[in-house]
Amino acid sequence: MLRTFALVLLAVASAFAQQKTIYLTFDDGPQPGTTDVLDVLKEEGVHGVFFLTGSNALSVGGLEGQAKIILRTLAEGHELGSHCYIHEPMTRGGYIAAYGDLTTDAQRDAFHKNLARNDSEIGRRLEKPGFKFEFARLPGDGSTFPHLVAEVEKMGMKHFHWQQEFAPNGVFKWIKNLDWKGVAGVGGDISWFPKDGEVILFHDRHWAGEKRELLRSLIRFLKEKGYTFGKLADWKPAPPKPAKPAAPPAP
């Protein structure tokens, strides 16, 4: 009896270990910090997804510097996503002022232009005319507008929000769980462990220089806990939870 129970527990633990795949995503690059992130990911043998903002070229030495980083990102097996050409709007008020409900031509044109220009500019860096991103993430509060997310997907891109965010301690006021799970110097916005299939948010610039070692510590800790790091091309939505059985009628 005890042996059977132990085998069941082992099987459950094994199944859980096999299901802990998460997706590391990095916003706002290329910018100072992107190469540090790439170094850590390469050294740790894991992949990430980089959501690019095309207007950031000057922060990495101009168009040539931007192209060099993007080409390296692809060469090392990572994925690219669109984070709009300009990282504006960001707030809910800004989105409403800029795009409203997308019912006017001006609103739709402004929205499409910010995404389409990112396609064309990053395509130039890659020397791929007609390049189109497969994935996108609207900056800031954009994910909170269902009609904007739907419009992104009408444009042929899968929009990805996130379920958990990490940053060095003190970077954002909403990152309240400092030294998350004992990882010194790293904060998380949620106190619990990521669930299987969750998308995790980072920003390239936060891990520049010596801060790269904080990212390494977090990745190593997650590895120790049995996590693997997937690609968004392989991401699948979590299966729906089974419906609770109806309560038996009262006698």
Protein backbone atom coordinates (compact mmCIF):
# COMPACT_ATOMS: atom_id res chain seq x y z
CA MET A 1 0.00 0.00 0.00
CA LEU A 2 2.72 2.45 1.00
CA ARG A 3 4.79 1.48 -2.04
CA THR A 4 1.83 2.10 -4.35
CA PHE A 5 1.22 5.50 -2.76
CA ALA A 6 4.91 6.43 -3.15
CA LEU A 7 4.83 5.46 -6.83
CA VAL A 8 1.75 7.63 -7.40
CA LEU A 9 3.45 10.59 -5.76
CA LEU A 10 6.55 10.04 -7.88
CA ALA A 11 4.46 9.92 -11.06
CA VAL A 12 2.67 13.16 -10.12
CA ALA A 13 5.97 14.88 -9.34
CA SER A 14 7.46 13.66 -12.62
CA ALA A 15 4.47 14.90 -14.62
CA PHE A 16 4.67 18.31 -12.95
CA ALA A 17 8.39 18.57 -13.73
CA GLN A 18 7.71 17.85 -17.41
CA GLN A 19 5.09 20.57 -17.68
CA LYS A 20 6.99 23.60 -16.33
CA THR A 21 7.83 25.43 -19.53
CA ILE A 22 7.83 29.22 -19.43
CA TYR A 23 8.62 31.89 -22.02
CA LEU A 24 11.16 34.64 -21.35
CA THR A 25 10.30 37.87 -23.18
CA PHE A 26 12.33 41.08 -23.28
CA ASP A 27 10.85 44.46 -24.25
CA ASP A 28 12.08 47.75 -25.73
CA GLY A 29 15.27 46.63 -27.49
CA PRO A 30 17.67 46.77 -28.98
CA GLN A 31 18.97 49.19 -26.36
CA PRO A 32 21.78 49.29 -23.81
CA GLY A 33 21.39 46.02 -21.93
CA THR A 34 20.30 43.89 -24.88
CA THR A 35 23.78 42.48 -25.50
CA ASP A 36 24.17 41.75 -21.78
CA VAL A 37 20.91 39.77 -21.87
CA LEU A 38 22.07 37.94 -24.99
CA ASP A 39 25.36 37.06 -23.29
CA VAL A 40 23.59 35.56 -20.27
CA LEU A 41 21.09 33.60 -22.36
CA LYS A 42 23.89 32.19 -24.50
CA GLU A 43 25.99 31.22 -21.49
CA GLU A 44 23.01 29.60 -19.78
CA GLY A 45 21.82 27.82 -22.93
CA VAL A 46 18.27 29.22 -22.91
CA HIS A 47 16.21 31.15 -25.46
CA GLY A 48 14.10 34.25 -25.22
CA VAL A 49 11.82 36.43 -27.30
CA PHE A 50 12.81 40.05 -27.97
CA PHE A 51 10.01 42.55 -28.61
CA LEU A 52 11.70 45.30 -30.61
CA THR A 53 11.05 49.04 -30.74
CA GLY A 54 12.53 50.31 -33.99
CA SER A 55 12.95 53.96 -32.98
CA ASN A 56 15.57 53.03 -30.36
CA ALA A 57 18.41 52.84 -32.90
CA LEU A 58 20.31 55.87 -31.59
CA SER A 59 20.67 54.24 -28.17
CA VAL A 60 22.79 51.42 -29.66
CA GLY A 61 24.99 53.33 -32.07
CA GLY A 62 22.53 54.00 -34.87
CA LEU A 63 21.18 51.81 -37.64
CA GLU A 64 24.31 49.71 -38.01
CA GLY A 65 24.47 49.00 -34.29
CA GLN A 66 20.80 48.13 -34.23
CA ALA A 67 21.18 45.77 -37.19
CA LYS A 68 24.18 44.04 -35.63
CA ILE A 69 22.28 43.28 -32.42
CA ILE A 70 19.15 42.08 -34.23
CA LEU A 71 21.17 39.78 -36.49
CA ARG A 72 23.01 38.39 -33.47
CA THR A 73 19.68 37.80 -31.71
CA LEU A 74 18.46 35.67 -34.60
CA ALA A 75 21.79 33.90 -35.09
CA GLU A 76 21.71 32.74 -31.47
CA GLY A 77 18.29 31.15 -31.89
CA HIS A 78 16.03 33.75 -30.30
CA GLU A 79 12.72 35.04 -31.63
CA LEU A 80 11.64 38.56 -32.53
CA GLY A 81 8.39 40.36 -31.83
CA SER A 82 7.08 43.85 -32.56
CA HIS A 83 6.81 46.38 -29.75
CA CYS A 84 5.77 49.18 -32.15
CA TYR A 85 8.11 51.59 -33.88
CA ILE A 86 7.51 54.29 -31.26
CA HIS A 87 6.97 53.30 -27.62
CA GLU A 88 3.98 55.60 -27.36
CA PRO A 89 1.27 55.67 -26.25
CA MET A 90 1.79 53.81 -22.98
CA THR A 91 -0.97 54.76 -20.55
CA ARG A 92 -4.67 54.03 -20.86
CA GLY A 93 -5.37 57.73 -21.31
CA GLY A 94 -2.72 57.95 -24.00
CA TYR A 95 -4.21 55.01 -25.90
CA ILE A 96 -7.70 56.47 -25.77
CA ALA A 97 -6.42 59.86 -27.01
CA ALA A 98 -4.33 58.34 -29.81
CA TYR A 99 -6.54 55.53 -31.09
CA GLY A 100 -9.93 55.77 -29.40
CA ASP A 101 -12.16 52.91 -30.48
CA LEU A 102 -10.59 52.70 -33.97
CA THR A 103 -13.79 53.84 -35.62
CA THR A 104 -12.26 56.71 -37.62
CA ASP A 105 -9.80 56.45 -40.50
CA ALA A 106 -7.34 58.66 -38.61
CA GLN A 107 -7.39 56.39 -35.56
CA ARG A 108 -6.91 53.22 -37.60
CA ASP A 109 -4.18 54.80 -39.73
CA ALA A 110 -2.22 55.96 -36.68
CA PHE A 111 -2.47 52.54 -35.05
CA HIS A 112 -1.47 50.63 -38.18
CA LYS A 113 1.37 53.03 -38.96
CA ASN A 114 3.09 52.47 -35.60
CA LEU A 115 3.15 48.71 -36.19
CA ALA A 116 3.71 48.70 -39.96
CA ARG A 117 6.67 51.08 -39.69
CA ASN A 118 8.29 48.71 -37.22
CA ASP A 119 7.95 45.91 -39.77
CA SER A 120 9.56 47.99 -42.51
CA GLU A 121 12.39 49.42 -40.39
CA ILE A 122 13.39 46.10 -38.83
CA GLY A 123 13.05 44.52 -42.28
CA ARG A 124 15.64 47.00 -43.54
CA ARG A 125 18.02 46.03 -40.74
CA LEU A 126 17.57 42.38 -41.76
CA GLU A 127 17.78 43.20 -45.48
CA LYS A 128 14.44 41.44 -45.92
CA PRO A 129 11.95 43.54 -47.92
CA GLY A 130 8.40 42.66 -46.96
CA PHE A 131 9.43 41.41 -43.50
CA LYS A 132 6.50 40.90 -41.11
CA PHE A 133 6.64 40.13 -37.42
CA GLU A 134 4.78 37.02 -36.28
CA PHE A 135 4.37 38.23 -32.69
CA ALA A 136 3.55 41.59 -31.14
CA ARG A 137 3.09 43.25 -27.77
CA LEU A 138 1.62 46.70 -27.45
CA PRO A 139 3.60 48.96 -25.09
CA GLY A 140 2.41 49.76 -21.58
CA ASP A 141 -1.33 49.41 -21.05
CA GLY A 142 -2.08 48.42 -24.66
CA SER A 143 -2.88 44.84 -23.72
CA THR A 144 -5.82 46.05 -21.62
CA PHE A 145 -7.78 47.14 -24.73
CA PRO A 146 -9.39 44.07 -26.33
CA HIS A 147 -10.23 45.92 -29.55
CA LEU A 148 -6.58 46.94 -30.01
CA VAL A 149 -5.34 43.42 -29.37
CA ALA A 150 -7.91 42.15 -31.87
CA GLU A 151 -6.69 44.70 -34.44
CA VAL A 152 -3.09 43.51 -33.98
CA GLU A 153 -4.23 39.98 -34.73
CA LYS A 154 -6.19 41.15 -37.78
CA MET A 155 -2.85 42.48 -39.01
CA GLY A 156 -1.50 38.92 -38.91
CA MET A 157 0.41 38.95 -35.63
CA LYS A 158 -0.22 36.95 -32.46
CA HIS A 159 -0.39 39.37 -29.53
CA PHE A 160 1.28 38.23 -26.31
CA HIS A 161 0.58 39.74 -22.91
CA TRP A 162 2.45 38.45 -19.85
CA GLN A 163 1.56 36.79 -16.55
CA GLN A 164 4.56 37.69 -14.41
CA GLU A 165 7.25 40.38 -14.46
CA PHE A 166 10.77 40.46 -13.03
CA ALA A 167 13.16 43.38 -12.57
CA PRO A 168 16.03 44.32 -10.28
CA ASN A 169 14.83 45.41 -6.84
CA GLY A 170 13.47 48.95 -6.77
CA VAL A 171 13.08 49.49 -10.54
CA PHE A 172 9.28 49.64 -10.63
CA LYS A 173 6.92 50.49 -7.77
CA TRP A 174 4.63 47.60 -8.66
CA ILE A 175 7.47 45.08 -8.26
CA LYS A 176 6.82 44.55 -4.55
CA ASN A 177 8.22 41.05 -3.94
CA LEU A 178 11.87 41.98 -3.48
CA ASP A 179 14.50 39.24 -3.41
CA TRP A 180 11.86 37.02 -5.00
CA LYS A 181 11.94 33.48 -3.53
CA GLY A 182 15.35 34.32 -2.06
CA VAL A 183 16.98 35.40 -5.34
CA ALA A 184 19.01 38.35 -4.06
CA GLY A 185 18.49 41.61 -5.93
CA VAL A 186 15.62 40.40 -8.12
CA GLY A 187 12.02 41.48 -7.60
CA GLY A 188 8.80 39.94 -8.92
CA ASP A 189 5.36 41.46 -9.25
CA ILE A 190 3.76 38.18 -8.11
CA SER A 191 4.89 36.17 -5.11
CA TRP A 192 4.21 32.67 -6.45
CA PHE A 193 6.09 30.53 -8.95
CA PRO A 194 5.18 30.84 -12.64
CA LYS A 195 2.72 28.28 -13.92
CA ASP A 196 3.35 26.04 -16.88
CA GLY A 197 2.99 27.95 -20.14
CA GLU A 198 3.20 31.43 -18.65
CA VAL A 199 4.86 34.34 -20.45
CA ILE A 200 7.38 36.27 -18.35
CA LEU A 201 8.19 39.95 -18.91
CA PHE A 202 11.61 41.61 -18.63
CA HIS A 203 13.06 44.83 -20.05
CA ASP A 204 16.50 44.69 -21.69
CA ARG A 205 17.84 47.87 -20.09
CA HIS A 206 17.40 46.65 -16.51
CA TRP A 207 20.04 43.93 -16.86
CA ALA A 208 22.89 46.01 -18.27
CA GLY A 209 26.41 45.81 -16.89
CA GLU A 210 26.73 44.20 -13.47
CA LYS A 211 22.95 43.69 -13.30
CA ARG A 212 23.31 40.90 -15.84
CA GLU A 213 24.41 38.67 -12.97
CA LEU A 214 20.99 39.15 -11.36
CA LEU A 215 19.36 37.79 -14.50
CA ARG A 216 21.76 34.86 -14.48
CA SER A 217 20.91 34.11 -10.83
CA LEU A 218 17.18 34.12 -11.59
CA ILE A 219 17.56 31.82 -14.60
CA ARG A 220 19.71 29.38 -12.65
CA PHE A 221 17.20 29.36 -9.78
CA LEU A 222 14.34 28.62 -12.16
CA LYS A 223 16.37 25.82 -13.75
CA GLU A 224 16.92 24.31 -10.28
CA LYS A 225 13.15 24.35 -9.80
CA GLY A 226 12.67 22.31 -12.96
CA TYR A 227 11.71 25.03 -15.46
CA THR A 228 12.53 24.94 -19.14
CA PHE A 229 12.38 27.94 -21.45
CA GLY A 230 10.33 27.67 -24.61
CA LYS A 231 9.83 29.57 -27.85
CA LEU A 232 6.61 31.41 -28.59
CA ALA A 233 6.37 29.57 -31.91
CA ASP A 234 5.65 26.47 -29.81
CA TRP A 235 3.35 28.17 -27.28
CA LYS A 236 -0.15 26.77 -26.86
CA PRO A 237 -2.95 28.13 -24.69
CA ALA A 238 -3.60 26.22 -21.51
CA PRO A 239 -6.40 23.67 -21.90
CA PRO A 240 -9.68 24.78 -20.36
CA LYS A 241 -10.29 23.62 -16.85
CA PRO A 242 -12.86 20.82 -16.65
CA ALA A 243 -16.27 22.00 -15.59
CA LYS A 244 -17.24 21.27 -12.04
CA PRO A 245 -19.89 18.56 -11.81
CA ALA A 246 -23.33 19.86 -11.05
CA ALA A 247 -24.37 19.59 -7.46
CA PRO A 248 -26.86 16.80 -6.85
CA PRO A 249 -30.43 17.97 -6.39
CA ALA A 250 -31.47 18.61 -2.84
CA PRO A 251 -33.34 15.69 -1.35
